[in-house]
Amino acid sequence: MNPLSEIGKFLIAAGLFMVAAGIIMVFLPKLPFIGRLPGDIVIKRGNFTFYFPIATSIILSVVLTIIFSIFRK
């Protein structure tokens, strides 16, 4: 195959990924349940806030695993 063809395919895939990431960044704060699930740890003390989204991370991992397994086949 032509090496420029491979580079072109990579650039198209990278561009689509960046568009998808941008759309997610714009609309993610508007989703009410992301980051506020039971199981997410939030500790607020004075001017310090510690946030660790355990439940959100697990759900995101499961969803991405399903999506990637569908596209792999």
Protein backbone atom coordinates (compact mmCIF):
# COMPACT_ATOMS: atom_id res chain seq x y z
CA MET A 1 0.00 0.00 0.00
CA ASN A 2 0.93 3.59 -0.41
CA PRO A 3 2.48 5.02 2.78
CA LEU A 4 0.62 8.28 2.28
CA SER A 5 -2.64 6.34 2.31
CA GLU A 6 -1.79 4.91 5.73
CA ILE A 7 -0.87 8.34 7.08
CA GLY A 8 -4.11 9.76 5.69
CA LYS A 9 -6.16 7.06 7.43
CA PHE A 10 -4.37 7.76 10.70
CA LEU A 11 -5.00 11.50 10.40
CA ILE A 12 -8.69 10.94 9.69
CA ALA A 13 -9.00 8.63 12.72
CA ALA A 14 -7.12 11.11 14.93
CA GLY A 15 -9.35 13.94 13.73
CA LEU A 16 -12.52 11.98 14.45
CA PHE A 17 -11.21 11.13 17.91
CA MET A 18 -10.48 14.80 18.61
CA VAL A 19 -13.95 15.85 17.43
CA ALA A 20 -15.55 13.20 19.65
CA ALA A 21 -13.42 14.31 22.62
CA GLY A 22 -14.44 17.93 22.02
CA ILE A 23 -18.12 17.06 21.88
CA ILE A 24 -17.81 15.07 25.09
CA MET A 25 -16.06 17.97 26.83
CA VAL A 26 -18.82 20.38 25.78
CA PHE A 27 -21.79 18.22 26.78
CA LEU A 28 -20.37 16.22 29.74
CA PRO A 29 -21.00 18.94 32.38
CA LYS A 30 -24.67 19.03 31.33
CA LEU A 31 -25.20 15.35 32.20
CA PRO A 32 -26.58 15.32 35.75
CA PHE A 33 -25.38 11.89 36.86
CA ILE A 34 -21.76 11.84 35.66
CA GLY A 35 -19.45 12.42 38.62
CA ARG A 36 -22.21 12.36 41.23
CA LEU A 37 -22.92 8.65 41.51
CA PRO A 38 -23.16 6.76 44.78
CA GLY A 39 -19.69 5.38 45.39
CA ASP A 40 -17.84 8.51 44.28
CA ILE A 41 -15.71 9.85 47.12
CA VAL A 42 -15.82 13.59 47.89
CA ILE A 43 -14.05 15.01 50.94
CA LYS A 44 -14.38 18.75 51.62
CA ARG A 45 -12.42 20.35 54.46
CA GLY A 46 -11.88 24.06 54.58
CA ASN A 47 -10.34 25.17 51.32
CA PHE A 48 -9.35 21.60 50.31
CA THR A 49 -11.52 19.27 48.21
CA PHE A 50 -10.55 15.69 47.38
CA TYR A 51 -12.62 14.00 44.67
CA PHE A 52 -12.20 10.37 43.56
CA PRO A 53 -14.93 9.10 41.17
CA ILE A 54 -14.76 5.33 41.78
CA ALA A 55 -18.27 4.43 40.58
CA THR A 56 -18.07 6.74 37.58
CA SER A 57 -14.72 5.22 36.60
CA ILE A 58 -16.08 1.67 36.81
CA ILE A 59 -19.15 2.48 34.70
CA LEU A 60 -17.04 4.35 32.13
CA SER A 61 -14.64 1.41 31.94
CA VAL A 62 -17.47 -1.07 31.33
CA VAL A 63 -19.06 1.12 28.65
CA LEU A 64 -15.75 1.67 26.83
CA THR A 65 -14.94 -2.05 27.01
CA ILE A 66 -18.27 -2.89 25.38
CA ILE A 67 -17.82 -0.23 22.69
CA PHE A 68 -14.27 -1.33 21.85
CA SER A 69 -15.23 -5.02 21.77
CA ILE A 70 -18.03 -4.21 19.29
CA PHE A 71 -15.67 -2.29 16.98
CA ARG A 72 -12.90 -4.92 17.21
CA LYS A 73 -15.02 -7.59 15.53
